[in-house]
Amino acid sequence: MHIKKIIIVSILFSTLFTIACKPKSVAFDILPIGGDFTLVDQNNEPFTLSSLKGNIVLLFFGYTHCPDACPMTMGLLGKAYDELGDDAKSIKTVFITVDPERDNIENMQGYIEGFSETFPGFKPIGLIGTDDQIDEVIKLFAGMRMKRTGVSKSGYTMDHNTSVFVMDSKQQVRYLYKPADRLNKLVSILEAMLAAEEN
């Protein structure tokens, strides 16, 4: 799917999730998953998660050929940044491929740039690595990935976790946000996280 089509799909899906009732209060327990890792970003530079300490981090596993969940979630995150305005400056998004066979520097860079152009305040970090490196990171977050062949014109699709891992400034996972939840719930979660960081 071309980048422009992906962006259109993401906007359509994320717009569907903007109409909802007021979300319930959110508890931010520390979840026993996560940890530091090193991969390569879309600019072909080494990236270590610990370099983002001091920021709230939204970590998401996906892939650039994903036909639905990934563009929907990226679009939703982009809209959340728009809603938060200047407050979003201390929130970083990390997008980790689960498809290292196809995701390289070039297509990861194009994928990330497409969303950044659509949502100007949204500057995700796209990460790639070897199969072994990706598996190690997925294991840290108690995730999974599995190839499904014969179900896509692109050759195969990847089953993977679709939750967004919301981490505090100490990089402790505090919430698992599901993309099927509403946009205003994500915004409320991030506002609460930002307020907690200030106290």
N, C-alpha and C. Protein backbone atom coordinates (compact mmCIF):
# COMPACT_ATOMS: atom_id res chain seq x y z
N MET A 1 0.85 -1.19 0.00
CA MET A 1 0.00 0.00 0.00
C MET A 1 0.88 1.24 0.00
N HIS A 2 0.60 2.21 -0.88
CA HIS A 2 1.40 3.42 -0.94
C HIS A 2 1.22 4.23 0.33
N ILE A 3 2.23 5.08 0.63
CA ILE A 3 2.20 5.86 1.85
C ILE A 3 0.97 6.76 1.92
N LYS A 4 0.61 7.42 0.80
CA LYS A 4 -0.55 8.32 0.82
C LYS A 4 -1.82 7.57 1.15
N LYS A 5 -1.97 6.34 0.61
CA LYS A 5 -3.15 5.55 0.91
C LYS A 5 -3.16 5.13 2.37
N ILE A 6 -2.00 4.82 2.91
CA ILE A 6 -1.89 4.45 4.32
C ILE A 6 -2.34 5.61 5.20
N ILE A 7 -1.90 6.82 4.85
CA ILE A 7 -2.27 8.00 5.64
C ILE A 7 -3.77 8.21 5.59
N ILE A 8 -4.37 8.08 4.41
CA ILE A 8 -5.81 8.27 4.27
C ILE A 8 -6.56 7.26 5.12
N VAL A 9 -6.12 5.99 5.07
CA VAL A 9 -6.75 4.94 5.87
C VAL A 9 -6.65 5.27 7.36
N SER A 10 -5.47 5.72 7.78
CA SER A 10 -5.26 6.01 9.21
C SER A 10 -6.16 7.14 9.68
N ILE A 11 -6.32 8.16 8.85
CA ILE A 11 -7.17 9.29 9.23
C ILE A 11 -8.62 8.86 9.32
N LEU A 12 -9.06 8.05 8.36
CA LEU A 12 -10.45 7.59 8.37
C LEU A 12 -10.74 6.75 9.61
N PHE A 13 -9.83 5.82 9.92
CA PHE A 13 -10.04 4.97 11.08
C PHE A 13 -9.98 5.77 12.38
N SER A 14 -8.97 6.63 12.52
CA SER A 14 -8.82 7.36 13.78
C SER A 14 -9.97 8.33 13.98
N THR A 15 -10.53 8.87 12.90
CA THR A 15 -11.67 9.77 13.03
C THR A 15 -12.87 9.03 13.59
N LEU A 16 -13.02 7.76 13.24
CA LEU A 16 -14.14 6.98 13.76
C LEU A 16 -14.10 6.85 15.27
N PHE A 17 -12.91 6.99 15.87
CA PHE A 17 -12.76 6.79 17.30
C PHE A 17 -12.76 8.09 18.09
N THR A 18 -13.15 9.20 17.47
CA THR A 18 -13.16 10.46 18.19
C THR A 18 -14.47 10.71 18.91
N ILE A 19 -15.54 9.95 18.56
CA ILE A 19 -16.84 10.16 19.17
C ILE A 19 -17.03 9.11 20.26
N ALA A 20 -17.05 9.55 21.51
CA ALA A 20 -17.19 8.58 22.60
C ALA A 20 -17.57 9.30 23.88
N CYS A 21 -18.02 8.52 24.86
CA CYS A 21 -18.33 9.08 26.16
C CYS A 21 -17.04 9.33 26.92
N LYS A 22 -17.15 10.06 28.03
CA LYS A 22 -15.98 10.38 28.84
C LYS A 22 -15.35 9.10 29.38
N PRO A 23 -14.03 8.91 29.19
CA PRO A 23 -13.40 7.68 29.65
C PRO A 23 -13.37 7.58 31.17
N LYS A 24 -13.31 6.34 31.65
CA LYS A 24 -13.21 6.11 33.09
C LYS A 24 -11.83 6.54 33.58
N SER A 25 -11.70 6.72 34.90
CA SER A 25 -10.41 7.08 35.47
C SER A 25 -9.40 5.96 35.22
N VAL A 26 -8.15 6.34 35.14
CA VAL A 26 -7.11 5.41 34.75
C VAL A 26 -6.14 5.17 35.91
N ALA A 27 -5.85 3.92 36.19
CA ALA A 27 -4.86 3.57 37.21
C ALA A 27 -3.54 3.25 36.51
N PHE A 28 -2.45 3.78 37.06
CA PHE A 28 -1.16 3.61 36.42
C PHE A 28 -0.25 2.70 37.25
N ASP A 29 -0.56 1.42 37.28
CA ASP A 29 0.30 0.46 37.94
C ASP A 29 1.56 0.26 37.09
N ILE A 30 2.63 -0.17 37.74
CA ILE A 30 3.85 -0.50 37.00
C ILE A 30 3.73 -1.94 36.52
N LEU A 31 3.79 -2.13 35.20
CA LEU A 31 3.66 -3.47 34.63
C LEU A 31 5.04 -4.11 34.52
N PRO A 32 5.16 -5.40 34.82
CA PRO A 32 6.47 -6.08 34.87
C PRO A 32 6.97 -6.50 33.49
N ILE A 33 7.03 -5.56 32.57
CA ILE A 33 7.54 -5.83 31.22
C ILE A 33 8.39 -4.65 30.78
N GLY A 34 9.12 -4.83 29.68
CA GLY A 34 9.93 -3.75 29.13
C GLY A 34 11.39 -3.88 29.50
N GLY A 35 12.17 -2.93 29.06
CA GLY A 35 13.60 -2.92 29.31
C GLY A 35 14.34 -2.22 28.19
N ASP A 36 15.59 -1.93 28.41
CA ASP A 36 16.38 -1.19 27.42
C ASP A 36 16.77 -2.10 26.25
N PHE A 37 16.99 -1.51 25.11
CA PHE A 37 17.41 -2.24 23.91
C PHE A 37 18.05 -1.27 22.94
N THR A 38 18.74 -1.82 21.96
CA THR A 38 19.37 -1.01 20.91
C THR A 38 18.99 -1.57 19.55
N LEU A 39 18.49 -0.69 18.66
CA LEU A 39 18.17 -1.04 17.28
C LEU A 39 18.70 0.08 16.39
N VAL A 40 18.27 0.14 15.14
CA VAL A 40 18.69 1.17 14.19
C VAL A 40 17.46 1.98 13.78
N ASP A 41 17.59 3.31 13.77
CA ASP A 41 16.44 4.13 13.44
C ASP A 41 16.35 4.40 11.93
N GLN A 42 15.30 5.15 11.53
CA GLN A 42 15.05 5.38 10.11
C GLN A 42 16.11 6.24 9.43
N ASN A 43 17.00 6.83 10.23
CA ASN A 43 18.11 7.61 9.68
C ASN A 43 19.41 6.81 9.68
N ASN A 44 19.28 5.50 9.89
CA ASN A 44 20.43 4.59 9.92
C ASN A 44 21.40 4.91 11.05
N GLU A 45 20.84 5.38 12.17
CA GLU A 45 21.65 5.68 13.36
C GLU A 45 21.27 4.71 14.48
N PRO A 46 22.25 4.30 15.30
CA PRO A 46 21.92 3.44 16.44
C PRO A 46 20.96 4.17 17.38
N PHE A 47 19.99 3.45 17.88
CA PHE A 47 19.02 4.02 18.81
C PHE A 47 18.93 3.12 20.03
N THR A 48 19.01 3.73 21.21
CA THR A 48 18.84 3.02 22.46
C THR A 48 17.66 3.62 23.20
N LEU A 49 16.77 2.78 23.68
CA LEU A 49 15.56 3.28 24.35
C LEU A 49 15.90 4.21 25.50
N SER A 50 16.96 3.89 26.24
CA SER A 50 17.32 4.70 27.40
C SER A 50 17.65 6.15 27.04
N SER A 51 17.91 6.41 25.77
CA SER A 51 18.19 7.79 25.33
C SER A 51 16.96 8.68 25.47
N LEU A 52 15.79 8.08 25.63
CA LEU A 52 14.55 8.86 25.76
C LEU A 52 14.11 9.03 27.21
N LYS A 53 14.94 8.64 28.17
CA LYS A 53 14.56 8.82 29.57
C LYS A 53 14.29 10.29 29.85
N GLY A 54 13.27 10.54 30.65
CA GLY A 54 12.84 11.90 30.92
C GLY A 54 11.63 12.29 30.10
N ASN A 55 11.27 11.44 29.12
CA ASN A 55 10.09 11.64 28.29
C ASN A 55 9.09 10.51 28.51
N ILE A 56 7.82 10.82 28.33
CA ILE A 56 6.83 9.76 28.22
C ILE A 56 7.03 9.12 26.86
N VAL A 57 6.97 7.79 26.80
CA VAL A 57 7.22 7.07 25.56
C VAL A 57 6.00 6.22 25.20
N LEU A 58 5.59 6.31 23.93
CA LEU A 58 4.56 5.45 23.38
C LEU A 58 5.25 4.48 22.45
N LEU A 59 5.28 3.21 22.80
CA LEU A 59 6.00 2.21 22.03
C LEU A 59 4.99 1.28 21.36
N PHE A 60 5.20 1.06 20.05
CA PHE A 60 4.24 0.31 19.28
C PHE A 60 4.97 -0.60 18.30
N PHE A 61 4.55 -1.88 18.21
CA PHE A 61 5.10 -2.82 17.24
C PHE A 61 4.21 -2.86 16.00
N GLY A 62 4.82 -2.82 14.82
CA GLY A 62 4.05 -2.88 13.58
C GLY A 62 4.96 -3.10 12.40
N TYR A 63 4.45 -2.80 11.20
CA TYR A 63 5.29 -2.96 10.00
C TYR A 63 4.70 -2.12 8.88
N THR A 64 5.54 -1.72 7.94
CA THR A 64 5.13 -0.74 6.94
C THR A 64 4.15 -1.29 5.91
N HIS A 65 4.08 -2.61 5.75
CA HIS A 65 3.12 -3.21 4.82
C HIS A 65 1.79 -3.54 5.49
N CYS A 66 1.65 -3.19 6.75
CA CYS A 66 0.43 -3.51 7.51
C CYS A 66 -0.78 -2.83 6.86
N PRO A 67 -1.85 -3.57 6.57
CA PRO A 67 -2.99 -3.00 5.86
C PRO A 67 -4.02 -2.29 6.75
N ASP A 68 -3.96 -2.48 8.07
CA ASP A 68 -5.06 -1.95 8.88
C ASP A 68 -4.64 -1.43 10.25
N ALA A 69 -4.28 -2.32 11.17
CA ALA A 69 -4.03 -1.92 12.55
C ALA A 69 -2.92 -0.88 12.69
N CYS A 70 -1.86 -1.03 11.94
CA CYS A 70 -0.71 -0.12 12.09
C CYS A 70 -1.03 1.30 11.63
N PRO A 71 -1.54 1.49 10.40
CA PRO A 71 -1.88 2.86 10.01
C PRO A 71 -2.98 3.46 10.87
N MET A 72 -3.93 2.63 11.32
CA MET A 72 -4.98 3.13 12.20
C MET A 72 -4.38 3.66 13.50
N THR A 73 -3.47 2.89 14.09
CA THR A 73 -2.86 3.29 15.35
C THR A 73 -1.96 4.50 15.18
N MET A 74 -1.16 4.52 14.13
CA MET A 74 -0.29 5.67 13.90
C MET A 74 -1.12 6.94 13.67
N GLY A 75 -2.22 6.81 12.95
CA GLY A 75 -3.08 7.96 12.75
C GLY A 75 -3.70 8.44 14.04
N LEU A 76 -4.10 7.50 14.89
CA LEU A 76 -4.68 7.84 16.18
C LEU A 76 -3.65 8.56 17.06
N LEU A 77 -2.42 8.07 17.07
CA LEU A 77 -1.37 8.72 17.85
C LEU A 77 -1.10 10.13 17.32
N GLY A 78 -1.09 10.27 15.99
CA GLY A 78 -0.88 11.58 15.40
C GLY A 78 -1.96 12.57 15.80
N LYS A 79 -3.20 12.12 15.82
CA LYS A 79 -4.31 12.98 16.22
C LYS A 79 -4.22 13.34 17.70
N ALA A 80 -3.74 12.40 18.52
CA ALA A 80 -3.55 12.69 19.94
C ALA A 80 -2.52 13.80 20.13
N TYR A 81 -1.44 13.75 19.35
CA TYR A 81 -0.44 14.82 19.41
C TYR A 81 -1.07 16.16 19.04
N ASP A 82 -1.91 16.17 18.02
CA ASP A 82 -2.60 17.39 17.63
C ASP A 82 -3.46 17.92 18.77
N GLU A 83 -4.17 17.01 19.45
CA GLU A 83 -5.05 17.41 20.55
C GLU A 83 -4.24 18.00 21.71
N LEU A 84 -3.08 17.44 21.98
CA LEU A 84 -2.28 17.87 23.12
C LEU A 84 -1.48 19.13 22.85
N GLY A 85 -1.23 19.44 21.59
CA GLY A 85 -0.49 20.65 21.25
C GLY A 85 0.91 20.67 21.82
N ASP A 86 1.28 21.78 22.47
CA ASP A 86 2.64 21.93 23.00
C ASP A 86 2.96 20.89 24.07
N ASP A 87 1.94 20.39 24.76
CA ASP A 87 2.19 19.38 25.80
C ASP A 87 2.78 18.09 25.23
N ALA A 88 2.57 17.86 23.94
CA ALA A 88 3.05 16.63 23.31
C ALA A 88 4.56 16.64 23.08
N LYS A 89 5.22 17.77 23.31
CA LYS A 89 6.65 17.86 23.04
C LYS A 89 7.46 16.91 23.92
N SER A 90 6.94 16.56 25.08
CA SER A 90 7.67 15.65 25.97
C SER A 90 7.19 14.21 25.85
N ILE A 91 6.47 13.93 24.75
CA ILE A 91 6.01 12.57 24.47
C ILE A 91 6.70 12.07 23.20
N LYS A 92 7.33 10.93 23.26
CA LYS A 92 8.03 10.36 22.12
C LYS A 92 7.35 9.05 21.69
N THR A 93 7.21 8.88 20.40
CA THR A 93 6.63 7.64 19.87
C THR A 93 7.71 6.81 19.19
N VAL A 94 7.74 5.52 19.52
CA VAL A 94 8.71 4.58 18.96
C VAL A 94 7.94 3.47 18.23
N PHE A 95 8.20 3.34 16.94
CA PHE A 95 7.53 2.34 16.09
C PHE A 95 8.56 1.29 15.71
N ILE A 96 8.38 0.05 16.17
CA ILE A 96 9.35 -1.03 15.95
C ILE A 96 8.80 -2.04 14.96
N THR A 97 9.55 -2.31 13.91
CA THR A 97 9.08 -3.26 12.91
C THR A 97 9.02 -4.69 13.47
N VAL A 98 8.01 -5.43 13.04
CA VAL A 98 7.97 -6.87 13.31
C VAL A 98 8.24 -7.64 12.01
N ASP A 99 8.67 -6.91 10.99
CA ASP A 99 8.88 -7.48 9.65
C ASP A 99 10.24 -7.06 9.10
N PRO A 100 11.33 -7.48 9.78
CA PRO A 100 12.66 -7.06 9.33
C PRO A 100 13.03 -7.58 7.95
N GLU A 101 12.30 -8.59 7.47
CA GLU A 101 12.57 -9.12 6.12
C GLU A 101 12.30 -8.07 5.04
N ARG A 102 11.26 -7.26 5.24
CA ARG A 102 10.89 -6.25 4.22
C ARG A 102 11.19 -4.82 4.65
N ASP A 103 11.18 -4.56 5.95
CA ASP A 103 11.37 -3.18 6.40
C ASP A 103 12.85 -2.84 6.48
N ASN A 104 13.24 -1.90 5.62
CA ASN A 104 14.61 -1.42 5.60
C ASN A 104 14.62 0.08 5.88
N ILE A 105 15.80 0.69 5.80
CA ILE A 105 15.93 2.13 6.07
C ILE A 105 15.02 2.94 5.16
N GLU A 106 15.02 2.61 3.88
CA GLU A 106 14.29 3.41 2.90
C GLU A 106 12.78 3.41 3.14
N ASN A 107 12.17 2.21 3.26
CA ASN A 107 10.71 2.24 3.40
C ASN A 107 10.28 2.65 4.80
N MET A 108 11.10 2.40 5.82
CA MET A 108 10.77 2.89 7.16
C MET A 108 10.81 4.42 7.19
N GLN A 109 11.79 4.98 6.53
CA GLN A 109 11.90 6.44 6.49
C GLN A 109 10.69 7.06 5.79
N GLY A 110 10.30 6.49 4.65
CA GLY A 110 9.14 6.99 3.93
C GLY A 110 7.86 6.86 4.73
N TYR A 111 7.72 5.76 5.43
CA TYR A 111 6.53 5.51 6.25
C TYR A 111 6.42 6.55 7.37
N ILE A 112 7.50 6.77 8.08
CA ILE A 112 7.52 7.73 9.18
C ILE A 112 7.28 9.14 8.68
N GLU A 113 7.94 9.51 7.58
CA GLU A 113 7.79 10.86 7.03
C GLU A 113 6.36 11.14 6.61
N GLY A 114 5.66 10.12 6.10
CA GLY A 114 4.28 10.29 5.68
C GLY A 114 3.39 10.74 6.83
N PHE A 115 3.56 10.12 7.98
CA PHE A 115 2.75 10.49 9.14
C PHE A 115 3.19 11.82 9.72
N SER A 116 4.48 12.12 9.68
CA SER A 116 4.98 13.40 10.20
C SER A 116 4.46 14.56 9.36
N GLU A 117 4.33 14.35 8.06
CA GLU A 117 3.82 15.41 7.19
C GLU A 117 2.33 15.63 7.44
N THR A 118 1.60 14.56 7.74
CA THR A 118 0.16 14.68 7.99
C THR A 118 -0.13 15.31 9.34
N PHE A 119 0.67 14.96 10.35
CA PHE A 119 0.52 15.48 11.70
C PHE A 119 1.84 16.16 12.08
N PRO A 120 1.99 17.46 11.81
CA PRO A 120 3.28 18.15 11.95
C PRO A 120 3.97 18.01 13.29
N GLY A 121 3.21 17.89 14.38
CA GLY A 121 3.85 17.76 15.69
C GLY A 121 4.25 16.33 16.03
N PHE A 122 3.94 15.41 15.16
CA PHE A 122 4.13 13.98 15.39
C PHE A 122 5.41 13.53 14.69
N LYS A 123 6.43 13.20 15.46
CA LYS A 123 7.74 12.82 14.92
C LYS A 123 8.15 11.44 15.44
N PRO A 124 7.52 10.38 14.95
CA PRO A 124 7.85 9.04 15.45
C PRO A 124 9.29 8.64 15.11
N ILE A 125 9.80 7.73 15.90
CA ILE A 125 11.10 7.11 15.63
C ILE A 125 10.82 5.70 15.12
N GLY A 126 11.22 5.42 13.88
CA GLY A 126 11.01 4.10 13.30
C GLY A 126 12.25 3.25 13.46
N LEU A 127 12.09 2.03 13.95
CA LEU A 127 13.24 1.18 14.25
C LEU A 127 13.22 -0.14 13.49
N ILE A 128 14.39 -0.53 13.00
CA ILE A 128 14.56 -1.81 12.34
C ILE A 128 15.71 -2.56 13.00
N GLY A 129 15.85 -3.84 12.63
CA GLY A 129 16.93 -4.66 13.17
C GLY A 129 16.90 -6.03 12.53
N THR A 130 17.75 -6.91 13.00
CA THR A 130 17.76 -8.29 12.51
C THR A 130 16.60 -9.05 13.15
N ASP A 131 16.32 -10.23 12.62
CA ASP A 131 15.29 -11.08 13.21
C ASP A 131 15.55 -11.33 14.69
N ASP A 132 16.80 -11.68 15.02
CA ASP A 132 17.14 -11.98 16.41
C ASP A 132 16.98 -10.76 17.31
N GLN A 133 17.40 -9.60 16.81
CA GLN A 133 17.27 -8.37 17.59
C GLN A 133 15.81 -8.02 17.85
N ILE A 134 15.00 -8.14 16.81
CA ILE A 134 13.57 -7.84 16.95
C ILE A 134 12.91 -8.81 17.92
N ASP A 135 13.26 -10.09 17.82
CA ASP A 135 12.68 -11.08 18.73
C ASP A 135 13.04 -10.79 20.18
N GLU A 136 14.25 -10.32 20.42
CA GLU A 136 14.67 -9.99 21.78
C GLU A 136 13.84 -8.85 22.35
N VAL A 137 13.57 -7.84 21.52
CA VAL A 137 12.78 -6.69 21.99
C VAL A 137 11.33 -7.13 22.23
N ILE A 138 10.79 -7.91 21.31
CA ILE A 138 9.41 -8.41 21.48
C ILE A 138 9.31 -9.21 22.78
N LYS A 139 10.33 -10.00 23.07
CA LYS A 139 10.32 -10.79 24.31
C LYS A 139 10.30 -9.90 25.54
N LEU A 140 11.05 -8.78 25.49
CA LEU A 140 11.08 -7.86 26.62
C LEU A 140 9.68 -7.36 26.97
N PHE A 141 8.85 -7.18 25.94
CA PHE A 141 7.52 -6.62 26.14
C PHE A 141 6.43 -7.70 26.10
N ALA A 142 6.85 -8.95 26.27
CA ALA A 142 5.91 -10.09 26.34
C ALA A 142 4.99 -10.11 25.12
N GLY A 143 5.58 -9.81 23.96
CA GLY A 143 4.79 -9.75 22.73
C GLY A 143 4.95 -10.98 21.86
N MET A 144 4.49 -10.85 20.62
CA MET A 144 4.59 -11.94 19.67
C MET A 144 4.57 -11.38 18.25
N ARG A 145 5.04 -12.19 17.32
CA ARG A 145 4.89 -11.90 15.89
C ARG A 145 4.83 -13.24 15.16
N MET A 146 4.04 -13.29 14.10
CA MET A 146 3.91 -14.53 13.35
C MET A 146 3.55 -14.20 11.90
N LYS A 147 4.26 -14.82 10.98
CA LYS A 147 4.01 -14.59 9.56
C LYS A 147 2.82 -15.41 9.09
N ARG A 148 1.94 -14.77 8.30
CA ARG A 148 0.81 -15.47 7.68
C ARG A 148 0.94 -15.32 6.16
N THR A 149 1.12 -16.42 5.47
CA THR A 149 1.29 -16.39 4.02
C THR A 149 -0.03 -16.66 3.31
N GLY A 150 -0.09 -16.22 2.03
CA GLY A 150 -1.25 -16.50 1.21
C GLY A 150 -2.49 -15.71 1.53
N VAL A 151 -2.34 -14.61 2.29
CA VAL A 151 -3.52 -13.81 2.65
C VAL A 151 -3.40 -12.36 2.20
N SER A 152 -2.37 -12.06 1.43
CA SER A 152 -2.15 -10.68 1.02
C SER A 152 -1.48 -10.62 -0.34
N LYS A 153 -1.80 -9.58 -1.12
CA LYS A 153 -1.15 -9.38 -2.41
C LYS A 153 0.33 -9.06 -2.24
N SER A 154 0.69 -8.55 -1.06
CA SER A 154 2.10 -8.22 -0.80
C SER A 154 2.92 -9.45 -0.44
N GLY A 155 2.29 -10.64 -0.41
CA GLY A 155 3.02 -11.87 -0.15
C GLY A 155 2.69 -12.49 1.18
N TYR A 156 2.65 -11.70 2.24
CA TYR A 156 2.30 -12.20 3.55
C TYR A 156 1.94 -11.04 4.47
N THR A 157 1.28 -11.35 5.55
CA THR A 157 1.03 -10.36 6.60
C THR A 157 1.67 -10.86 7.88
N MET A 158 1.73 -9.97 8.88
CA MET A 158 2.33 -10.32 10.16
C MET A 158 1.30 -10.13 11.27
N ASP A 159 1.05 -11.20 12.02
CA ASP A 159 0.27 -11.07 13.24
C ASP A 159 1.21 -10.51 14.31
N HIS A 160 0.71 -9.57 15.12
CA HIS A 160 1.55 -8.96 16.14
C HIS A 160 0.69 -8.26 17.17
N ASN A 161 1.29 -7.89 18.29
CA ASN A 161 0.58 -7.13 19.31
C ASN A 161 0.20 -5.76 18.76
N THR A 162 -1.01 -5.32 19.07
CA THR A 162 -1.45 -4.01 18.58
C THR A 162 -1.62 -2.98 19.69
N SER A 163 -1.32 -3.35 20.93
CA SER A 163 -1.41 -2.39 22.03
C SER A 163 -0.24 -1.41 21.96
N VAL A 164 -0.48 -0.21 22.46
CA VAL A 164 0.57 0.79 22.59
C VAL A 164 1.06 0.76 24.04
N PHE A 165 2.35 0.58 24.23
CA PHE A 165 2.93 0.52 25.56
C PHE A 165 3.23 1.96 26.00
N VAL A 166 2.53 2.41 27.03
CA VAL A 166 2.69 3.78 27.53
C VAL A 166 3.67 3.74 28.70
N MET A 167 4.81 4.41 28.54
CA MET A 167 5.87 4.38 29.55
C MET A 167 6.07 5.75 30.16
N ASP A 168 6.37 5.78 31.46
CA ASP A 168 6.65 7.04 32.13
C ASP A 168 8.08 7.49 31.85
N SER A 169 8.48 8.59 32.49
CA SER A 169 9.80 9.16 32.21
C SER A 169 10.95 8.28 32.69
N LYS A 170 10.63 7.29 33.54
CA LYS A 170 11.66 6.34 33.99
C LYS A 170 11.64 5.07 33.15
N GLN A 171 10.81 5.07 32.11
CA GLN A 171 10.66 3.97 31.17
C GLN A 171 10.06 2.72 31.80
N GLN A 172 9.17 2.96 32.75
CA GLN A 172 8.36 1.89 33.31
C GLN A 172 7.05 1.85 32.54
N VAL A 173 6.65 0.65 32.12
CA VAL A 173 5.38 0.52 31.40
C VAL A 173 4.24 0.70 32.40
N ARG A 174 3.40 1.69 32.14
CA ARG A 174 2.32 2.03 33.08
C ARG A 174 0.93 1.74 32.54
N TYR A 175 0.83 1.53 31.23
CA TYR A 175 -0.51 1.31 30.65
C TYR A 175 -0.37 0.66 29.28
N LEU A 176 -1.32 -0.21 28.95
CA LEU A 176 -1.40 -0.80 27.61
C LEU A 176 -2.64 -0.23 26.94
N TYR A 177 -2.41 0.63 25.97
CA TYR A 177 -3.52 1.28 25.29
C TYR A 177 -3.89 0.48 24.04
N LYS A 178 -5.16 0.11 23.93
CA LYS A 178 -5.62 -0.66 22.78
C LYS A 178 -6.14 0.29 21.70
N PRO A 179 -5.73 0.11 20.45
CA PRO A 179 -6.14 1.04 19.39
C PRO A 179 -7.64 1.06 19.14
N ALA A 180 -8.36 0.03 19.60
CA ALA A 180 -9.81 0.05 19.46
C ALA A 180 -10.47 0.99 20.47
N ASP A 181 -9.70 1.47 21.47
CA ASP A 181 -10.22 2.45 22.42
C ASP A 181 -10.36 3.80 21.72
N ARG A 182 -11.02 4.72 22.38
CA ARG A 182 -11.31 6.01 21.77
C ARG A 182 -10.13 6.98 21.86
N LEU A 183 -10.13 7.92 20.93
CA LEU A 183 -9.09 8.94 20.92
C LEU A 183 -9.09 9.74 22.21
N ASN A 184 -10.27 10.12 22.70
CA ASN A 184 -10.29 10.95 23.91
C ASN A 184 -9.77 10.18 25.12
N LYS A 185 -9.85 8.85 25.09
CA LYS A 185 -9.28 8.07 26.19
C LYS A 185 -7.76 8.17 26.15
N LEU A 186 -7.17 8.07 24.98
CA LEU A 186 -5.72 8.20 24.85
C LEU A 186 -5.26 9.58 25.31
N VAL A 187 -5.98 10.62 24.88
CA VAL A 187 -5.61 11.98 25.27
C VAL A 187 -5.71 12.13 26.79
N SER A 188 -6.77 11.58 27.39
CA SER A 188 -6.93 11.66 28.84
C SER A 188 -5.81 10.93 29.57
N ILE A 189 -5.41 9.77 29.04
CA ILE A 189 -4.31 9.01 29.64
C ILE A 189 -3.02 9.83 29.61
N LEU A 190 -2.75 10.42 28.47
CA LEU A 190 -1.51 11.19 28.33
C LEU A 190 -1.54 12.45 29.19
N GLU A 191 -2.68 13.10 29.27
CA GLU A 191 -2.80 14.28 30.15
C GLU A 191 -2.55 13.89 31.60
N ALA A 192 -3.11 12.76 32.01
CA ALA A 192 -2.90 12.29 33.39
C ALA A 192 -1.44 11.92 33.63
N MET A 193 -0.81 11.29 32.63
CA MET A 193 0.60 10.94 32.77
C MET A 193 1.47 12.19 32.88
N LEU A 194 1.17 13.19 32.06
CA LEU A 194 1.93 14.43 32.10
C LEU A 194 1.77 15.13 33.43
N ALA A 195 0.54 15.14 33.94
CA ALA A 195 0.28 15.77 35.24
C ALA A 195 1.02 15.03 36.35
N ALA A 196 1.06 13.70 36.29
CA ALA A 196 1.75 12.90 37.31
C ALA A 196 3.24 13.16 37.29
N GLU A 197 3.78 13.39 36.09
CA GLU A 197 5.21 13.65 35.97
C GLU A 197 5.58 15.00 36.61
N GLU A 198 4.63 15.94 36.61
CA GLU A 198 4.90 17.26 37.16
C GLU A 198 4.85 17.28 38.67
N ASN A 199 4.16 16.30 39.26
CA ASN A 199 3.99 16.25 40.73
C ASN A 199 5.11 15.46 41.40
